[in-house]
Amino acid sequence: MPKFVEYQDGDVAVTSRKPLRGTLELITDDDDTVELLLDRENTEWLMGALCEFLVQGEGDDMPKISIGRR
């Protein structure tokens, strides 16, 4: 049975810069913690999926952020 987890505004713990790796803590419905392991490639895929989700919002649920590069 799948567990539902929630992000509760925690920071990413960077465990390595080269190669880039880290963890992000998520909380389950029964208050257990799950660590999401991150690397550069998987994090880029996750960011893409989250951005695709956000752009689906309408009205007050439209994204309030913009990302630009210099």
PDB file of N, CA and C in Angstrom:
ATOM      1  N   MET A   1       0.850  -1.185   0.000  1.00  0.00           N
ATOM      2  CA  MET A   1       0.000   0.000   0.000  1.00  0.00           C
ATOM      3  C   MET A   1       0.893   1.244   0.000  1.00  0.00           C
ATOM      4  N   PRO A   2       0.612   2.199  -0.874  1.00  0.00           N
ATOM      5  CA  PRO A   2       1.456   3.393  -0.923  1.00  0.00           C
ATOM      6  C   PRO A   2       1.288   4.248   0.332  1.00  0.00           C
ATOM      7  N   LYS A   3       2.380   4.922   0.691  1.00  0.00           N
ATOM      8  CA  LYS A   3       2.327   5.883   1.798  1.00  0.00           C
ATOM      9  C   LYS A   3       2.195   7.278   1.207  1.00  0.00           C
ATOM     10  N   PHE A   4       1.386   8.087   1.825  1.00  0.00           N
ATOM     11  CA  PHE A   4       1.277   9.473   1.425  1.00  0.00           C
ATOM     12  C   PHE A   4       2.258  10.274   2.266  1.00  0.00           C
ATOM     13  N   VAL A   5       2.997  11.147   1.606  1.00  0.00           N
ATOM     14  CA  VAL A   5       3.977  11.971   2.301  1.00  0.00           C
ATOM     15  C   VAL A   5       3.714  13.432   1.983  1.00  0.00           C
ATOM     16  N   GLU A   6       4.201  14.285   2.867  1.00  0.00           N
ATOM     17  CA  GLU A   6       3.995  15.722   2.720  1.00  0.00           C
ATOM     18  C   GLU A   6       5.312  16.440   2.956  1.00  0.00           C
ATOM     19  N   TYR A   7       5.555  17.446   2.143  1.00  0.00           N
ATOM     20  CA  TYR A   7       6.710  18.318   2.346  1.00  0.00           C
ATOM     21  C   TYR A   7       6.300  19.381   3.352  1.00  0.00           C
ATOM     22  N   GLN A   8       7.108  19.576   4.398  1.00  0.00           N
ATOM     23  CA  GLN A   8       6.750  20.540   5.442  1.00  0.00           C
ATOM     24  C   GLN A   8       7.801  21.625   5.601  1.00  0.00           C
ATOM     25  N   ASP A   9       8.230  22.196   4.471  1.00  0.00           N
ATOM     26  CA  ASP A   9       9.098  23.375   4.459  1.00  0.00           C
ATOM     27  C   ASP A   9      10.487  23.125   5.031  1.00  0.00           C
ATOM     28  N   GLY A  10      11.001  21.918   4.879  1.00  0.00           N
ATOM     29  CA  GLY A  10      12.353  21.628   5.341  1.00  0.00           C
ATOM     30  C   GLY A  10      13.385  22.009   4.291  1.00  0.00           C
ATOM     31  N   ASP A  11      14.618  22.089   4.716  1.00  0.00           N
ATOM     32  CA  ASP A  11      15.713  22.404   3.810  1.00  0.00           C
ATOM     33  C   ASP A  11      16.279  21.129   3.199  1.00  0.00           C
ATOM     34  N   VAL A  12      16.882  21.273   2.042  1.00  0.00           N
ATOM     35  CA  VAL A  12      17.612  20.165   1.439  1.00  0.00           C
ATOM     36  C   VAL A  12      18.952  20.053   2.158  1.00  0.00           C
ATOM     37  N   ALA A  13      19.295  18.853   2.579  1.00  0.00           N
ATOM     38  CA  ALA A  13      20.605  18.606   3.185  1.00  0.00           C
ATOM     39  C   ALA A  13      21.540  18.162   2.064  1.00  0.00           C
ATOM     40  N   VAL A  14      22.509  18.999   1.733  1.00  0.00           N
ATOM     41  CA  VAL A  14      23.475  18.669   0.686  1.00  0.00           C
ATOM     42  C   VAL A  14      24.527  17.754   1.295  1.00  0.00           C
ATOM     43  N   THR A  15      24.665  16.563   0.731  1.00  0.00           N
ATOM     44  CA  THR A  15      25.632  15.595   1.248  1.00  0.00           C
ATOM     45  C   THR A  15      26.895  15.548   0.406  1.00  0.00           C
ATOM     46  N   SER A  16      26.830  16.061  -0.823  1.00  0.00           N
ATOM     47  CA  SER A  16      27.992  16.090  -1.710  1.00  0.00           C
ATOM     48  C   SER A  16      27.771  17.173  -2.755  1.00  0.00           C
ATOM     49  N   ARG A  17      28.820  17.890  -3.088  1.00  0.00           N
ATOM     50  CA  ARG A  17      28.719  18.917  -4.129  1.00  0.00           C
ATOM     51  C   ARG A  17      29.222  18.417  -5.478  1.00  0.00           C
ATOM     52  N   LYS A  18      30.114  17.448  -5.468  1.00  0.00           N
ATOM     53  CA  LYS A  18      30.631  16.888  -6.718  1.00  0.00           C
ATOM     54  C   LYS A  18      30.850  15.404  -6.526  1.00  0.00           C
ATOM     55  N   PRO A  19      29.916  14.553  -6.915  1.00  0.00           N
ATOM     56  CA  PRO A  19      28.667  14.867  -7.613  1.00  0.00           C
ATOM     57  C   PRO A  19      27.637  15.460  -6.653  1.00  0.00           C
ATOM     58  N   LEU A  20      26.723  16.252  -7.200  1.00  0.00           N
ATOM     59  CA  LEU A  20      25.703  16.905  -6.385  1.00  0.00           C
ATOM     60  C   LEU A  20      24.701  15.873  -5.890  1.00  0.00           C
ATOM     61  N   ARG A  21      24.609  15.759  -4.573  1.00  0.00           N
ATOM     62  CA  ARG A  21      23.675  14.816  -3.941  1.00  0.00           C
ATOM     63  C   ARG A  21      23.153  15.426  -2.647  1.00  0.00           C
ATOM     64  N   GLY A  22      21.970  14.979  -2.254  1.00  0.00           N
ATOM     65  CA  GLY A  22      21.401  15.463  -1.003  1.00  0.00           C
ATOM     66  C   GLY A  22      20.153  14.690  -0.632  1.00  0.00           C
ATOM     67  N   THR A  23      19.502  15.144   0.426  1.00  0.00           N
ATOM     68  CA  THR A  23      18.260  14.530   0.887  1.00  0.00           C
ATOM     69  C   THR A  23      17.252  15.617   1.244  1.00  0.00           C
ATOM     70  N   LEU A  24      15.988  15.259   1.129  1.00  0.00           N
ATOM     71  CA  LEU A  24      14.890  16.137   1.502  1.00  0.00           C
ATOM     72  C   LEU A  24      13.952  15.323   2.376  1.00  0.00           C
ATOM     73  N   GLU A  25      13.648  15.840   3.553  1.00  0.00           N
ATOM     74  CA  GLU A  25      12.796  15.108   4.492  1.00  0.00           C
ATOM     75  C   GLU A  25      11.324  15.349   4.195  1.00  0.00           C
ATOM     76  N   LEU A  26      10.569  14.252   4.121  1.00  0.00           N
ATOM     77  CA  LEU A  26       9.123  14.285   3.938  1.00  0.00           C
ATOM     78  C   LEU A  26       8.476  13.594   5.131  1.00  0.00           C
ATOM     79  N   ILE A  27       7.234  13.952   5.447  1.00  0.00           N
ATOM     80  CA  ILE A  27       6.529  13.417   6.611  1.00  0.00           C
ATOM     81  C   ILE A  27       5.319  12.610   6.137  1.00  0.00           C
ATOM     82  N   THR A  28       5.152  11.411   6.724  1.00  0.00           N
ATOM     83  CA  THR A  28       4.012  10.559   6.373  1.00  0.00           C
ATOM     84  C   THR A  28       2.792  10.943   7.200  1.00  0.00           C
ATOM     85  N   ASP A  29       1.644  10.362   6.836  1.00  0.00           N
ATOM     86  CA  ASP A  29       0.396  10.619   7.568  1.00  0.00           C
ATOM     87  C   ASP A  29       0.492  10.244   9.041  1.00  0.00           C
ATOM     88  N   ASP A  30       1.311   9.226   9.355  1.00  0.00           N
ATOM     89  CA  ASP A  30       1.457   8.820  10.755  1.00  0.00           C
ATOM     90  C   ASP A  30       2.718   9.407  11.395  1.00  0.00           C
ATOM     91  N   ASP A  31       3.172  10.544  10.872  1.00  0.00           N
ATOM     92  CA  ASP A  31       4.284  11.338  11.409  1.00  0.00           C
ATOM     93  C   ASP A  31       5.640  10.642  11.382  1.00  0.00           C
ATOM     94  N   ASP A  32       5.804   9.636  10.535  1.00  0.00           N
ATOM     95  CA  ASP A  32       7.131   9.079  10.294  1.00  0.00           C
ATOM     96  C   ASP A  32       7.836   9.962   9.272  1.00  0.00           C
ATOM     97  N   THR A  33       9.145   9.878   9.220  1.00  0.00           N
ATOM     98  CA  THR A  33       9.891  10.648   8.234  1.00  0.00           C
ATOM     99  C   THR A  33      10.401   9.730   7.132  1.00  0.00           C
ATOM    100  N   VAL A  34      10.443  10.285   5.937  1.00  0.00           N
ATOM    101  CA  VAL A  34      10.981   9.606   4.763  1.00  0.00           C
ATOM    102  C   VAL A  34      11.990  10.560   4.154  1.00  0.00           C
ATOM    103  N   GLU A  35      13.175  10.058   3.832  1.00  0.00           N
ATOM    104  CA  GLU A  35      14.171  10.893   3.176  1.00  0.00           C
ATOM    105  C   GLU A  35      14.144  10.631   1.682  1.00  0.00           C
ATOM    106  N   LEU A  36      13.912  11.681   0.912  1.00  0.00           N
ATOM    107  CA  LEU A  36      13.961  11.604  -0.537  1.00  0.00           C
ATOM    108  C   LEU A  36      15.406  11.856  -0.951  1.00  0.00           C
ATOM    109  N   LEU A  37      16.024  10.871  -1.593  1.00  0.00           N
ATOM    110  CA  LEU A  37      17.402  11.024  -2.042  1.00  0.00           C
ATOM    111  C   LEU A  37      17.410  11.816  -3.339  1.00  0.00           C
ATOM    112  N   LEU A  38      18.292  12.796  -3.411  1.00  0.00           N
ATOM    113  CA  LEU A  38      18.356  13.680  -4.568  1.00  0.00           C
ATOM    114  C   LEU A  38      19.723  13.605  -5.232  1.00  0.00           C
ATOM    115  N   ASP A  39      19.726  13.661  -6.549  1.00  0.00           N
ATOM    116  CA  ASP A  39      20.944  13.933  -7.305  1.00  0.00           C
ATOM    117  C   ASP A  39      20.558  14.954  -8.374  1.00  0.00           C
ATOM    118  N   ARG A  40      21.517  15.470  -9.093  1.00  0.00           N
ATOM    119  CA  ARG A  40      21.226  16.547 -10.041  1.00  0.00           C
ATOM    120  C   ARG A  40      20.197  16.126 -11.087  1.00  0.00           C
ATOM    121  N   GLU A  41      20.409  14.976 -11.705  1.00  0.00           N
ATOM    122  CA  GLU A  41      19.523  14.548 -12.786  1.00  0.00           C
ATOM    123  C   GLU A  41      18.087  14.322 -12.300  1.00  0.00           C
ATOM    124  N   ASN A  42      17.914  13.580 -11.218  1.00  0.00           N
ATOM    125  CA  ASN A  42      16.565  13.318 -10.703  1.00  0.00           C
ATOM    126  C   ASN A  42      15.892  14.586 -10.198  1.00  0.00           C
ATOM    127  N   THR A  43      16.671  15.499  -9.636  1.00  0.00           N
ATOM    128  CA  THR A  43      16.100  16.755  -9.152  1.00  0.00           C
ATOM    129  C   THR A  43      15.617  17.609 -10.313  1.00  0.00           C
ATOM    130  N   GLU A  44      16.363  17.611 -11.421  1.00  0.00           N
ATOM    131  CA  GLU A  44      15.908  18.342 -12.606  1.00  0.00           C
ATOM    132  C   GLU A  44      14.596  17.757 -13.122  1.00  0.00           C
ATOM    133  N   TRP A  45      14.465  16.428 -13.140  1.00  0.00           N
ATOM    134  CA  TRP A  45      13.214  15.798 -13.575  1.00  0.00           C
ATOM    135  C   TRP A  45      12.074  16.168 -12.632  1.00  0.00           C
ATOM    136  N   LEU A  46      12.344  16.150 -11.327  1.00  0.00           N
ATOM    137  CA  LEU A  46      11.321  16.501 -10.342  1.00  0.00           C
ATOM    138  C   LEU A  46      10.896  17.959 -10.502  1.00  0.00           C
ATOM    139  N   MET A  47      11.868  18.856 -10.690  1.00  0.00           N
ATOM    140  CA  MET A  47      11.540  20.276 -10.889  1.00  0.00           C
ATOM    141  C   MET A  47      10.656  20.459 -12.122  1.00  0.00           C
ATOM    142  N   GLY A  48      10.973  19.745 -13.188  1.00  0.00           N
ATOM    143  CA  GLY A  48      10.163  19.829 -14.399  1.00  0.00           C
ATOM    144  C   GLY A  48       8.728  19.377 -14.146  1.00  0.00           C
ATOM    145  N   ALA A  49       8.575  18.257 -13.441  1.00  0.00           N
ATOM    146  CA  ALA A  49       7.238  17.739 -13.139  1.00  0.00           C
ATOM    147  C   ALA A  49       6.467  18.709 -12.249  1.00  0.00           C
ATOM    148  N   LEU A  50       7.141  19.298 -11.255  1.00  0.00           N
ATOM    149  CA  LEU A  50       6.473  20.251 -10.364  1.00  0.00           C
ATOM    150  C   LEU A  50       6.066  21.512 -11.121  1.00  0.00           C
ATOM    151  N   CYS A  51       6.913  21.982 -12.032  1.00  0.00           N
ATOM    152  CA  CYS A  51       6.568  23.165 -12.836  1.00  0.00           C
ATOM    153  C   CYS A  51       5.376  22.871 -13.739  1.00  0.00           C
ATOM    154  N   GLU A  52       5.356  21.683 -14.356  1.00  0.00           N
ATOM    155  CA  GLU A  52       4.214  21.305 -15.190  1.00  0.00           C
ATOM    156  C   GLU A  52       2.928  21.279 -14.364  1.00  0.00           C
ATOM    157  N   PHE A  53       3.013  20.818 -13.123  1.00  0.00           N
ATOM    158  CA  PHE A  53       1.850  20.815 -12.240  1.00  0.00           C
ATOM    159  C   PHE A  53       1.407  22.249 -11.939  1.00  0.00           C
ATOM    160  N   LEU A  54       2.351  23.118 -11.581  1.00  0.00           N
ATOM    161  CA  LEU A  54       2.006  24.488 -11.197  1.00  0.00           C
ATOM    162  C   LEU A  54       1.341  25.272 -12.318  1.00  0.00           C
ATOM    163  N   VAL A  55       1.794  25.090 -13.554  1.00  0.00           N
ATOM    164  CA  VAL A  55       1.221  25.877 -14.643  1.00  0.00           C
ATOM    165  C   VAL A  55      -0.219  25.483 -14.949  1.00  0.00           C
ATOM    166  N   GLN A  56      -0.719  24.422 -14.345  1.00  0.00           N
ATOM    167  CA  GLN A  56      -2.112  24.018 -14.534  1.00  0.00           C
ATOM    168  C   GLN A  56      -3.066  24.855 -13.677  1.00  0.00           C
ATOM    169  N   GLY A  57      -2.523  25.605 -12.715  1.00  0.00           N
ATOM    170  CA  GLY A  57      -3.368  26.395 -11.824  1.00  0.00           C
ATOM    171  C   GLY A  57      -4.082  27.521 -12.553  1.00  0.00           C
ATOM    172  N   GLU A  58      -5.271  27.848 -12.086  1.00  0.00           N
ATOM    173  CA  GLU A  58      -6.064  28.933 -12.652  1.00  0.00           C
ATOM    174  C   GLU A  58      -6.507  29.870 -11.543  1.00  0.00           C
ATOM    175  N   GLY A  59      -6.762  31.116 -11.896  1.00  0.00           N
ATOM    176  CA  GLY A  59      -7.234  32.097 -10.927  1.00  0.00           C
ATOM    177  C   GLY A  59      -6.252  32.266  -9.779  1.00  0.00           C
ATOM    178  N   ASP A  60      -6.746  32.138  -8.548  1.00  0.00           N
ATOM    179  CA  ASP A  60      -5.889  32.299  -7.371  1.00  0.00           C
ATOM    180  C   ASP A  60      -4.856  31.186  -7.243  1.00  0.00           C
ATOM    181  N   ASP A  61      -5.033  30.095  -7.972  1.00  0.00           N
ATOM    182  CA  ASP A  61      -4.077  28.990  -7.921  1.00  0.00           C
ATOM    183  C   ASP A  61      -3.009  29.071  -9.008  1.00  0.00           C
ATOM    184  N   MET A  62      -2.945  30.197  -9.713  1.00  0.00           N
ATOM    185  CA  MET A  62      -1.866  30.372 -10.687  1.00  0.00           C
ATOM    186  C   MET A  62      -0.549  30.537  -9.933  1.00  0.00           C
ATOM    187  N   PRO A  63       0.559  30.086 -10.519  1.00  0.00           N
ATOM    188  CA  PRO A  63       1.855  30.220  -9.844  1.00  0.00           C
ATOM    189  C   PRO A  63       2.177  31.676  -9.535  1.00  0.00           C
ATOM    190  N   LYS A  64       2.792  31.887  -8.387  1.00  0.00           N
ATOM    191  CA  LYS A  64       3.165  33.233  -7.956  1.00  0.00           C
ATOM    192  C   LYS A  64       4.661  33.473  -8.103  1.00  0.00           C
ATOM    193  N   ILE A  65       5.361  32.543  -8.743  1.00  0.00           N
ATOM    194  CA  ILE A  65       6.801  32.674  -8.906  1.00  0.00           C
ATOM    195  C   ILE A  65       7.138  32.792 -10.379  1.00  0.00           C
ATOM    196  N   SER A  66       8.273  33.402 -10.646  1.00  0.00           N
ATOM    197  CA  SER A  66       8.812  33.396 -12.001  1.00  0.00           C
ATOM    198  C   SER A  66      10.291  33.090 -11.883  1.00  0.00           C
ATOM    199  N   ILE A  67      10.782  32.346 -12.824  1.00  0.00           N
ATOM    200  CA  ILE A  67      12.182  31.950 -12.802  1.00  0.00           C
ATOM    201  C   ILE A  67      12.835  32.490 -14.058  1.00  0.00           C
ATOM    202  N   GLY A  68      13.914  33.212 -13.874  1.00  0.00           N
ATOM    203  CA  GLY A  68      14.651  33.746 -15.009  1.00  0.00           C
ATOM    204  C   GLY A  68      16.133  33.484 -14.845  1.00  0.00           C
ATOM    205  N   ARG A  69      16.839  33.566 -15.931  1.00  0.00           N
ATOM    206  CA  ARG A  69      18.297  33.390 -15.905  1.00  0.00           C
ATOM    207  C   ARG A  69      18.940  34.667 -16.374  1.00  0.00           C
ATOM    208  N   ARG A  70      20.101  34.945 -15.838  1.00  0.00           N
ATOM    209  CA  ARG A  70      20.868  36.123 -16.270  1.00  0.00           C
ATOM    210  C   ARG A  70      21.856  35.742 -17.319  1.00  0.00           C
TER     211      ARG A  70
END
